[in-house]
C-alpha atoms as a PDB file:
ATOM      1  CA  MET A   1       1.670  17.736   0.037  1.00  0.00           C
ATOM      2  CA  ARG A   2      -1.117  15.247  -1.081  1.00  0.00           C
ATOM      3  CA  PRO A   3      -3.848  14.380   1.564  1.00  0.00           C
ATOM      4  CA  GLU A   4      -2.859  10.627   1.219  1.00  0.00           C
ATOM      5  CA  THR A   5       0.752  11.358   1.841  1.00  0.00           C
ATOM      6  CA  ILE A   6      -0.313  12.879   5.315  1.00  0.00           C
ATOM      7  CA  ILE A   7      -2.569   9.753   6.086  1.00  0.00           C
ATOM      8  CA  GLN A   8       0.161   7.338   4.959  1.00  0.00           C
ATOM      9  CA  ARG A   9       2.818   8.889   7.380  1.00  0.00           C
ATOM     10  CA  ALA A  10       0.483   8.720  10.247  1.00  0.00           C
ATOM     11  CA  ILE A  11      -0.437   5.453   9.692  1.00  0.00           C
ATOM     12  CA  ARG A  12       3.262   4.270   9.228  1.00  0.00           C
ATOM     13  CA  MET A  13       3.995   6.117  12.805  1.00  0.00           C
ATOM     14  CA  GLN A  14       0.955   4.038  14.553  1.00  0.00           C
ATOM     15  CA  PHE A  15       2.346   0.829  12.960  1.00  0.00           C
ATOM     16  CA  LYS A  16       5.442   1.638  13.988  1.00  0.00           C
ATOM     17  CA  ALA A  17       4.268   2.483  17.597  1.00  0.00           C
ATOM     18  CA  LEU A  18       2.499  -0.918  17.897  1.00  0.00           C
ATOM     19  CA  GLY A  19       5.985  -2.634  17.023  1.00  0.00           C
ATOM     20  CA  PHE A  20       5.380  -3.266  13.243  1.00  0.00           C
ATOM     21  CA  GLU A  21       7.507  -1.967  10.363  1.00  0.00           C
ATOM     22  CA  SER A  22       6.360  -0.574   6.987  1.00  0.00           C
ATOM     23  CA  VAL A  23       7.785  -0.200   3.663  1.00  0.00           C
ATOM     24  CA  HIS A  24       6.235   2.388   1.231  1.00  0.00           C
ATOM     25  CA  VAL A  25       5.813   0.897  -2.593  1.00  0.00           C
ATOM     26  CA  PRO A  26       5.869   3.940  -4.859  1.00  0.00           C
ATOM     27  CA  ASN A  27       3.611   2.567  -7.624  1.00  0.00           C
ATOM     28  CA  GLY A  28       1.989   6.213  -7.770  1.00  0.00           C
ATOM     29  CA  SER A  29       4.981   7.915  -8.275  1.00  0.00           C
ATOM     30  CA  VAL A  30       4.952  10.953 -10.631  1.00  0.00           C
ATOM     31  CA  LEU A  31       7.544  10.341 -13.883  1.00  0.00           C
ATOM     32  CA  ALA A  32       9.559  12.784 -15.172  1.00  0.00           C
ATOM     33  CA  GLY A  33       9.620  14.008 -18.836  1.00  0.00           C
ATOM     34  CA  ASP A  34       7.358  14.541 -21.734  1.00  0.00           C
ATOM     35  CA  LYS A  35       4.817  11.781 -22.690  1.00  0.00           C
ATOM     36  CA  VAL A  36       7.377   9.704 -24.516  1.00  0.00           C
ATOM     37  CA  ARG A  37       9.778   9.720 -21.811  1.00  0.00           C
ATOM     38  CA  ARG A  38       7.296   8.849 -19.229  1.00  0.00           C
ATOM     39  CA  ALA A  39       6.026   5.885 -21.351  1.00  0.00           C
ATOM     40  CA  ARG A  40       9.503   4.659 -21.657  1.00  0.00           C
ATOM     41  CA  GLN A  41      10.191   4.872 -17.838  1.00  0.00           C
ATOM     42  CA  MET A  42       6.688   3.165 -17.236  1.00  0.00           C
ATOM     43  CA  ASN A  43       7.578   0.267 -19.677  1.00  0.00           C
ATOM     44  CA  SER A  44      11.006  -0.034 -17.983  1.00  0.00           C
ATOM     45  CA  LEU A  45       9.453   0.092 -14.540  1.00  0.00           C
ATOM     46  CA  LYS A  46       6.919  -2.727 -15.416  1.00  0.00           C
ATOM     47  CA  ALA A  47       9.759  -4.822 -16.903  1.00  0.00           C
ATOM     48  CA  ASP A  48      11.357  -4.622 -13.488  1.00  0.00           C
ATOM     49  CA  GLY A  49       8.223  -5.866 -11.778  1.00  0.00           C
ATOM     50  CA  LEU A  50       5.920  -2.766 -11.166  1.00  0.00           C
ATOM     51  CA  MET A  51       2.506  -4.068 -10.892  1.00  0.00           C
ATOM     52  CA  PRO A  52      -0.140  -1.379 -11.324  1.00  0.00           C
ATOM     53  CA  GLY A  53      -2.657  -1.588  -8.341  1.00  0.00           C
ATOM     54  CA  PHE A  54      -0.029  -2.932  -5.720  1.00  0.00           C
ATOM     55  CA  PRO A  55      -0.630  -1.798  -2.482  1.00  0.00           C
ATOM     56  CA  ASP A  56       0.982   1.469  -0.734  1.00  0.00           C
ATOM     57  CA  LEU A  57       2.523  -0.377   2.128  1.00  0.00           C
ATOM     58  CA  LEU A  58       3.987  -3.571   3.233  1.00  0.00           C
ATOM     59  CA  ILE A  59       3.774  -4.372   6.744  1.00  0.00           C
ATOM     60  CA  TYR A  60       6.020  -6.422   8.462  1.00  0.00           C
ATOM     61  CA  GLY A  61       6.031  -8.385  11.799  1.00  0.00           C
ATOM     62  CA  SER A  62       7.533 -11.278  13.728  1.00  0.00           C
ATOM     63  CA  GLU A  63       7.052 -14.702  12.917  1.00  0.00           C
ATOM     64  CA  GLY A  64       7.354 -13.949   9.110  1.00  0.00           C
ATOM     65  CA  ARG A  65       4.201 -11.989   9.051  1.00  0.00           C
ATOM     66  CA  ILE A  66       3.670  -9.694   6.076  1.00  0.00           C
ATOM     67  CA  GLY A  67       0.546  -7.423   5.337  1.00  0.00           C
ATOM     68  CA  HIS A  68      -0.488  -5.323   2.502  1.00  0.00           C
ATOM     69  CA  VAL A  69      -1.981  -1.749   3.136  1.00  0.00           C
ATOM     70  CA  GLU A  70      -3.702   0.230   0.425  1.00  0.00           C
ATOM     71  CA  VAL A  71      -4.183   4.041   1.624  1.00  0.00           C
ATOM     72  CA  LYS A  72      -6.976   6.098   0.806  1.00  0.00           C
ATOM     73  CA  GLN A  73      -8.630   9.300   1.964  1.00  0.00           C
ATOM     74  CA  GLU A  74     -12.398   9.570   2.891  1.00  0.00           C
ATOM     75  CA  GLY A  75     -14.400   9.681  -0.119  1.00  0.00           C
ATOM     76  CA  SER A  76     -11.991   7.715  -2.569  1.00  0.00           C
ATOM     77  CA  TYR A  77     -12.010   4.478  -3.302  1.00  0.00           C
ATOM     78  CA  GLN A  78      -9.915   1.504  -4.899  1.00  0.00           C
ATOM     79  CA  GLN A  79      -9.355   1.464  -8.583  1.00  0.00           C
ATOM     80  CA  LYS A  80      -9.929  -1.592 -10.748  1.00  0.00           C
ATOM     81  CA  THR A  81      -6.148  -2.421 -10.881  1.00  0.00           C
ATOM     82  CA  GLN A  82      -6.131  -2.311  -6.828  1.00  0.00           C
ATOM     83  CA  LYS A  83      -9.090  -4.591  -6.382  1.00  0.00           C
ATOM     84  CA  VAL A  84      -7.603  -7.043  -8.786  1.00  0.00           C
ATOM     85  CA  CYS A  85      -4.339  -7.049  -6.823  1.00  0.00           C
ATOM     86  CA  GLN A  86      -6.413  -7.379  -3.467  1.00  0.00           C
ATOM     87  CA  SER A  87      -8.070 -10.345  -4.913  1.00  0.00           C
ATOM     88  CA  TRP A  88      -4.655 -11.976  -6.036  1.00  0.00           C
ATOM     89  CA  LEU A  89      -2.969 -11.192  -2.657  1.00  0.00           C
ATOM     90  CA  GLU A  90      -5.708 -12.641  -0.547  1.00  0.00           C
ATOM     91  CA  GLY A  91      -6.239 -15.452  -2.913  1.00  0.00           C
ATOM     92  CA  LEU A  92      -2.546 -16.347  -1.779  1.00  0.00           C
ATOM     93  CA  GLY A  93      -3.531 -16.088   1.465  1.00  0.00           C
ATOM     94  CA  HIS A  94      -1.871 -12.844   2.435  1.00  0.00           C
ATOM     95  CA  LYS A  95      -3.161 -10.109   4.761  1.00  0.00           C
ATOM     96  CA  TYR A  96      -4.681  -6.974   2.831  1.00  0.00           C
ATOM     97  CA  ALA A  97      -6.603  -4.008   4.105  1.00  0.00           C
ATOM     98  CA  VAL A  98      -7.669  -0.496   2.959  1.00  0.00           C
ATOM     99  CA  LEU A  99      -6.935   2.042   5.535  1.00  0.00           C
ATOM    100  CA  ARG A 100      -8.328   5.777   5.772  1.00  0.00           C
ATOM    101  CA  SER A 101      -6.767   6.907   9.011  1.00  0.00           C
ATOM    102  CA  SER A 102      -4.149   5.960  11.703  1.00  0.00           C
ATOM    103  CA  GLU A 103      -7.149   4.992  13.810  1.00  0.00           C
ATOM    104  CA  ASP A 104      -7.621   2.108  11.399  1.00  0.00           C
ATOM    105  CA  VAL A 105      -4.474   0.547  12.254  1.00  0.00           C
ATOM    106  CA  LYS A 106      -5.224  -1.211  15.537  1.00  0.00           C
ATOM    107  CA  GLU A 107      -8.481  -2.613  14.160  1.00  0.00           C
ATOM    108  CA  THR A 108      -6.685  -4.141  11.324  1.00  0.00           C
ATOM    109  CA  LEU A 109      -3.965  -5.739  13.390  1.00  0.00           C
ATOM    110  CA  GLU A 110      -6.683  -7.220  15.521  1.00  0.00           C
ATOM    111  CA  LYS A 111      -8.413  -8.372  12.406  1.00  0.00           C
ATOM    112  CA  TRP A 112      -5.397 -10.000  11.145  1.00  0.00           C
ATOM    113  CA  ASN A 113      -4.881 -11.645  14.640  1.00  0.00           C
ATOM    114  CA  TRP A 114      -1.565  -9.858  15.101  1.00  0.00           C
ATOM    115  CA  LEU A 115      -2.572  -8.129  18.389  1.00  0.00           C
END
C-alpha cells in the first residue's frame, strides 16, 4: 500500500469522527494495459470529465459546505496541475487544503470556520 493511501485513510477517519463525510476522487489510479490502451483510457476519462490535478478528497458538511483536500506525504509537494486546480477552486470561492496527516484535519476545519 502506498504511503499516501495510508495517510488518506487516516484523514478520512478523522473527518468522519468530526461529523464530516468524504469522497475519494481516483484521478491517480493506475490504468491497465499497454501504452496504447492506457492512452485510450485516459482520453476517454478526460472526455468524461476527469481533470488532471483535481484533489484527492471532497469533504461534505451540513449547510451545503464542500471542501477539497489534496493528500501528500511529508516531503512531497503539489504538481503544477494540482496548483492550477487549487487556484481555480479557490478563485471560485471553494475551500482547499493540502493535508499531510490526520492531525491536520481539525486545524483545517477550524481554518475553514467549520468547527
